[in-house]
Amino acid sequence: MPEAVKNMLEVKGVYKTFNPGTVNEKRALNGLELTLADGDFVTVIGSNGAGKSTALNAIAGVWPVDAGKIFIDGEDVTGLPEYKRARYLGRVFQDPMTGTAATMEIQENLALALRRGQRRGLRQGITQKEKDQFREMLRTLDLGLEDRMTAKVGLLSGGQRQALTLLMATLKKPKLLLLDEHTAALDPKTAEKVLNTTESIIRESHLTAFMVTHNMKDAIAHGNRLIMMNEGRIILDVAGEEKKRLTIKDLLDKFAELSGSSITNDSVLLA
C-alpha cells in the first residue's frame, strides 16, 4: 500500500471578524477550510479584502481567531500566541527591511537564525565551521554575498535582503514557510530572481509553503497548487497539470464565475 500523505497544515472552520459590533465590522475569514500536505507549495491569490493575508496571519498566530482550529504537523496550535508558533514557522514579509537586523553583519544575521531557540545568542562568536556553512549557502543565491559576509545588512539592496531573509527563514527547516507578498516591493527582474530562489529552496529542502501574491502570473508559474480566495473563503483550488495549463484569462473568468463579480481586466484581482 502507498504511504499515507502527511498533512503539514490543517485549517478547520476558521472565522475572524475585525471590529465586531461597529460600523467598521469586517468578516475577514468565513469558515476557512484548508489542508496542505507535506511538500505542498501553494500560491494564494484573490482581490483586496479576500482574506489572503488574514489567513496567513491567522496561521502565524498574529491574533486569536474567533472560531475554528489550526493544526501544524498534527499539533493543535490554535491557542498558541505568535511567539510560541514561531518554532514551527519560517516567515518572509513584504517589506525587505523586516526580516533582518540592519546594523548586524550578514554572517551575524545568519548565526542568529541558526541559533534560534537557543539561549546563548552570539556570545561565543561564530565558528569557522559556521562561516564555511554560511558561505556555501550564500553562494547558491548567486548574488556575490558570499564575499561580503562581514558587510552590514543595511548596505544591501532590497532584493539581496529578501534573499538573505529567505535563507534565514529556512535555515532551521520550518514545518511551514509563510511568504506574504515577499516580492511585491522589488523590481520585476529582482522579484523573478527571488522567486526562483524561493522555488529552489522549497524544492531542495522539501518544505511546505503558503505564498500570498497579487501577481497571477507568478501564482501560475510557481508551486504545485493554486488557491483563489474571495470573501474569506477558498473558491478555487487547482493543482498539478490543471494548474500548469492555467492562463491569466482562465483565472479572471473563474473569478467572475465563482465570485459572481464581473471583471473586465486584472486590475481588481491585482489591486
Protein backbone atom coordinates (compact mmCIF):
# COMPACT_ATOMS: atom_id res chain seq x y z
CA MET A 1 0.00 0.00 0.00
CA PRO A 2 1.24 3.52 -0.75
CA GLU A 3 2.39 5.54 2.25
CA ALA A 4 -0.29 7.89 3.59
CA VAL A 5 0.24 11.55 2.78
CA LYS A 6 1.13 13.57 5.86
CA ASN A 7 -0.73 16.84 6.40
CA MET A 8 1.54 19.70 7.47
CA LEU A 9 -1.21 22.31 7.84
CA GLU A 10 -4.91 21.94 8.61
CA VAL A 11 -7.21 24.95 8.94
CA LYS A 12 -10.66 23.86 10.03
CA GLY A 13 -13.68 26.17 10.01
CA VAL A 14 -11.76 29.32 10.93
CA TYR A 15 -13.64 32.60 11.36
CA LYS A 16 -12.21 36.04 12.02
CA THR A 17 -14.14 39.32 12.26
CA PHE A 18 -12.41 42.64 12.82
CA ASN A 19 -14.11 45.49 14.73
CA PRO A 20 -17.19 43.39 15.61
CA GLY A 21 -20.29 45.35 16.56
CA THR A 22 -19.05 48.59 14.99
CA VAL A 23 -19.72 50.35 11.69
CA ASN A 24 -16.30 49.08 10.57
CA GLU A 25 -17.16 45.41 11.19
CA LYS A 26 -15.46 43.20 8.61
CA ARG A 27 -15.66 39.42 8.42
CA ALA A 28 -12.23 38.58 7.05
CA LEU A 29 -12.35 34.78 7.32
CA ASN A 30 -15.61 32.98 6.82
CA GLY A 31 -15.31 29.32 7.81
CA LEU A 32 -11.93 28.86 6.08
CA GLU A 33 -11.07 25.23 5.31
CA LEU A 34 -7.58 24.41 4.04
CA THR A 35 -5.22 21.43 4.15
CA LEU A 36 -1.59 21.47 2.96
CA ALA A 37 0.14 18.14 2.51
CA ASP A 38 3.82 17.77 3.38
CA GLY A 39 5.78 19.34 0.49
CA ASP A 40 2.89 21.38 -0.94
CA PHE A 41 3.87 24.80 -2.31
CA VAL A 42 0.58 26.70 -2.51
CA THR A 43 0.20 30.11 -4.12
CA VAL A 44 -2.73 32.21 -2.86
CA ILE A 45 -4.49 34.91 -4.92
CA GLY A 46 -7.64 37.00 -4.63
CA SER A 47 -8.82 40.59 -4.73
CA ASN A 48 -8.08 43.08 -1.95
CA GLY A 49 -10.01 42.12 1.18
CA ALA A 50 -10.39 38.50 0.04
CA GLY A 51 -8.71 37.22 3.20
CA LYS A 52 -5.30 36.16 1.85
CA SER A 53 -3.08 37.95 4.35
CA THR A 54 -5.65 37.43 7.11
CA ALA A 55 -5.38 33.67 6.52
CA LEU A 56 -1.58 33.85 6.66
CA ASN A 57 -1.68 35.90 9.87
CA ALA A 58 -4.21 33.51 11.42
CA ILE A 59 -1.82 30.62 10.72
CA ALA A 60 1.08 32.64 12.18
CA GLY A 61 -0.90 33.47 15.32
CA VAL A 62 -0.74 37.25 14.91
CA TRP A 63 -4.08 37.43 16.74
CA PRO A 64 -6.60 34.83 18.03
CA VAL A 65 -9.27 33.51 15.69
CA ASP A 66 -12.97 33.72 16.65
CA ALA A 67 -13.75 30.06 15.92
CA GLY A 68 -12.19 27.02 14.30
CA LYS A 69 -8.94 25.09 14.70
CA ILE A 70 -5.43 25.30 13.24
CA PHE A 71 -3.03 22.33 13.24
CA ILE A 72 0.63 22.39 12.17
CA ASP A 73 2.14 18.93 11.65
CA GLY A 74 -0.71 17.44 13.69
CA GLU A 75 -0.21 19.82 16.65
CA ASP A 76 -3.16 21.97 17.67
CA VAL A 77 -1.66 25.49 17.70
CA THR A 78 -4.99 27.36 17.82
CA GLY A 79 -4.39 28.68 21.33
CA LEU A 80 -0.68 29.42 20.93
CA PRO A 81 0.45 33.06 20.65
CA GLU A 82 2.65 34.19 17.77
CA TYR A 83 5.98 33.82 19.59
CA LYS A 84 5.21 30.20 20.53
CA ARG A 85 4.20 29.31 16.97
CA ALA A 86 7.47 30.77 15.66
CA ARG A 87 9.29 27.49 16.27
CA TYR A 88 7.09 25.80 13.65
CA LEU A 89 7.28 28.57 11.07
CA GLY A 90 9.57 30.44 8.71
CA ARG A 91 8.24 33.81 7.53
CA VAL A 92 9.24 36.30 4.86
CA PHE A 93 7.40 39.61 4.85
CA GLN A 94 6.58 42.09 2.08
CA ASP A 95 8.99 44.70 3.44
CA PRO A 96 12.62 43.63 2.79
CA MET A 97 13.65 45.55 5.93
CA THR A 98 11.51 43.43 8.27
CA GLY A 99 13.29 40.07 8.35
CA THR A 100 16.88 41.14 9.06
CA ALA A 101 18.86 43.23 11.55
CA ALA A 102 20.28 46.13 9.52
CA THR A 103 23.11 47.05 11.91
CA MET A 104 24.48 43.49 12.09
CA GLU A 105 26.71 41.70 9.59
CA ILE A 106 25.37 39.19 7.07
CA GLN A 107 27.08 36.33 8.92
CA GLU A 108 25.73 37.56 12.28
CA ASN A 109 22.17 37.56 10.91
CA LEU A 110 22.63 34.00 9.68
CA ALA A 111 24.13 32.93 13.01
CA LEU A 112 21.11 34.33 14.88
CA ALA A 113 18.80 32.39 12.58
CA LEU A 114 20.86 29.22 13.07
CA ARG A 115 20.69 29.55 16.87
CA ARG A 116 17.02 30.43 17.05
CA GLY A 117 15.55 28.83 20.15
CA GLN A 118 18.92 28.55 21.90
CA ARG A 119 19.73 30.67 24.93
CA ARG A 120 23.31 31.69 24.31
CA GLY A 121 22.87 34.12 21.37
CA LEU A 122 26.16 35.20 19.76
CA ARG A 123 28.26 35.45 22.92
CA GLN A 124 30.52 32.59 21.85
CA GLY A 125 31.10 34.09 18.43
CA ILE A 126 30.71 32.46 15.02
CA THR A 127 32.76 29.32 14.46
CA GLN A 128 34.80 28.67 11.35
CA LYS A 129 32.54 25.73 10.55
CA GLU A 130 29.52 28.04 10.65
CA LYS A 131 31.27 30.61 8.44
CA ASP A 132 32.02 27.90 5.87
CA GLN A 133 28.39 26.76 6.00
CA PHE A 134 27.11 30.32 5.53
CA ARG A 135 29.49 30.96 2.64
CA GLU A 136 28.22 27.88 0.79
CA MET A 137 24.59 28.84 1.39
CA LEU A 138 25.15 32.41 0.20
CA ARG A 139 26.93 31.16 -2.91
CA THR A 140 23.74 29.39 -4.01
CA LEU A 141 22.00 32.78 -4.22
CA ASP A 142 24.43 33.91 -6.95
CA LEU A 143 24.40 37.47 -5.59
CA GLY A 144 28.05 37.72 -4.54
CA LEU A 145 27.12 37.85 -0.86
CA GLU A 146 29.49 35.00 0.00
CA ASP A 147 32.34 37.54 -0.44
CA ARG A 148 30.62 40.17 1.76
CA MET A 149 29.82 38.19 4.91
CA THR A 150 31.12 40.92 7.24
CA ALA A 151 29.12 43.67 5.46
CA LYS A 152 26.30 45.29 7.41
CA VAL A 153 22.91 44.09 6.14
CA GLY A 154 21.69 47.70 5.95
CA LEU A 155 24.03 48.21 2.98
CA LEU A 156 22.29 45.54 0.88
CA SER A 157 19.65 46.14 -1.78
CA GLY A 158 16.03 45.13 -1.18
CA GLY A 159 16.41 42.03 -3.32
CA GLN A 160 19.59 40.97 -1.53
CA ARG A 161 17.89 41.43 1.84
CA GLN A 162 14.87 39.37 0.77
CA ALA A 163 17.14 36.58 -0.49
CA LEU A 164 19.02 36.67 2.83
CA THR A 165 15.73 36.65 4.77
CA LEU A 166 14.69 33.56 2.79
CA LEU A 167 17.88 31.78 3.84
CA MET A 168 17.33 32.83 7.46
CA ALA A 169 13.69 31.70 7.43
CA THR A 170 14.59 28.25 6.09
CA LEU A 171 17.94 27.67 7.82
CA LYS A 172 16.34 25.52 10.53
CA LYS A 173 13.88 23.70 8.30
CA PRO A 174 10.47 25.02 9.40
CA LYS A 175 7.32 22.91 9.36
CA LEU A 176 5.71 25.63 7.25
CA LEU A 177 7.11 28.58 5.27
CA LEU A 178 4.84 31.64 5.09
CA LEU A 179 5.53 34.11 2.26
CA ASP A 180 3.49 37.30 2.48
CA GLU A 181 3.82 39.03 -0.91
CA HIS A 182 7.57 38.80 -0.35
CA THR A 183 8.49 40.10 -3.82
CA ALA A 184 5.88 42.90 -4.08
CA ALA A 185 8.36 45.65 -3.10
CA LEU A 186 11.01 44.52 -5.61
CA ASP A 187 11.55 45.48 -9.25
CA PRO A 188 10.37 42.78 -11.73
CA LYS A 189 13.83 41.40 -12.53
CA THR A 190 14.84 41.14 -8.86
CA ALA A 191 11.42 39.73 -7.94
CA GLU A 192 11.85 36.95 -10.52
CA LYS A 193 15.28 36.05 -9.12
CA VAL A 194 13.97 35.94 -5.54
CA LEU A 195 11.00 33.80 -6.64
CA ASN A 196 13.27 31.35 -8.46
CA THR A 197 15.46 31.18 -5.34
CA THR A 198 12.33 30.60 -3.26
CA GLU A 199 11.26 27.71 -5.50
CA SER A 200 14.75 26.14 -5.36
CA ILE A 201 14.97 26.32 -1.56
CA ILE A 202 11.45 24.88 -1.13
CA ARG A 203 12.15 22.03 -3.55
CA GLU A 204 15.63 21.13 -2.27
CA SER A 205 14.65 21.28 1.42
CA HIS A 206 11.24 19.66 0.78
CA LEU A 207 9.42 22.46 2.58
CA THR A 208 5.69 23.11 2.80
CA ALA A 209 4.92 26.68 1.74
CA PHE A 210 1.99 29.12 1.66
CA MET A 211 2.70 32.09 -0.64
CA VAL A 212 0.34 35.06 -0.83
CA THR A 213 0.74 37.06 -4.05
CA HIS A 214 -1.08 39.71 -6.06
CA ASN A 215 0.62 38.57 -9.24
CA MET A 216 -1.40 35.96 -11.15
CA LYS A 217 1.49 35.18 -13.49
CA ASP A 218 3.72 34.32 -10.52
CA ALA A 219 0.91 32.32 -8.89
CA ILE A 220 0.61 30.18 -12.02
CA ALA A 221 4.36 29.83 -12.62
CA HIS A 222 5.34 28.76 -9.10
CA GLY A 223 4.28 26.00 -6.77
CA ASN A 224 2.27 22.82 -7.32
CA ARG A 225 -1.09 24.21 -6.21
CA LEU A 226 -3.03 27.48 -6.56
CA ILE A 227 -5.94 28.65 -4.44
CA MET A 228 -8.15 31.67 -5.01
CA MET A 229 -9.89 33.36 -2.08
CA ASN A 230 -12.96 35.58 -2.02
CA GLU A 231 -14.85 36.97 0.98
CA GLY A 232 -12.84 34.96 3.49
CA ARG A 233 -13.09 31.53 1.93
CA ILE A 234 -11.49 29.48 -0.84
CA ILE A 235 -13.46 29.50 -4.08
CA LEU A 236 -10.92 27.73 -6.32
CA ASP A 237 -8.26 25.08 -5.61
CA VAL A 238 -6.23 23.85 -8.58
CA ALA A 239 -3.20 21.54 -8.58
CA GLY A 240 -0.87 19.51 -10.80
CA GLU A 241 -1.29 19.50 -14.57
CA GLU A 242 -4.51 21.53 -14.39
CA LYS A 243 -2.61 24.33 -12.65
CA LYS A 244 0.22 24.25 -15.20
CA ARG A 245 -2.28 24.77 -18.03
CA LEU A 246 -3.91 27.83 -16.42
CA THR A 247 -3.73 31.24 -18.03
CA ILE A 248 -4.43 34.66 -16.53
CA LYS A 249 -7.63 34.77 -18.61
CA ASP A 250 -8.69 31.45 -17.07
CA LEU A 251 -8.24 32.89 -13.60
CA LEU A 252 -10.18 36.04 -14.40
CA ASP A 253 -13.00 34.01 -15.92
CA LYS A 254 -13.08 31.64 -12.94
CA PHE A 255 -13.06 34.57 -10.51
CA ALA A 256 -16.04 36.15 -12.29
CA GLU A 257 -17.88 32.81 -12.43
CA LEU A 258 -17.23 31.73 -8.83
CA SER A 259 -17.49 35.08 -7.08
CA GLY A 260 -20.38 36.46 -9.09
CA SER A 261 -18.33 39.60 -9.81
CA SER A 262 -17.65 40.55 -13.40
CA ILE A 263 -14.07 41.62 -14.08
CA THR A 264 -13.10 43.01 -17.46
CA ASN A 265 -9.39 43.25 -16.69
CA ASP A 266 -6.98 42.09 -14.00
CA SER A 267 -6.84 45.41 -12.13
CA VAL A 268 -9.29 44.28 -9.46
CA LEU A 269 -7.54 40.99 -8.81
CA LEU A 270 -4.16 42.72 -8.81
CA ALA A 271 -5.26 45.88 -7.00
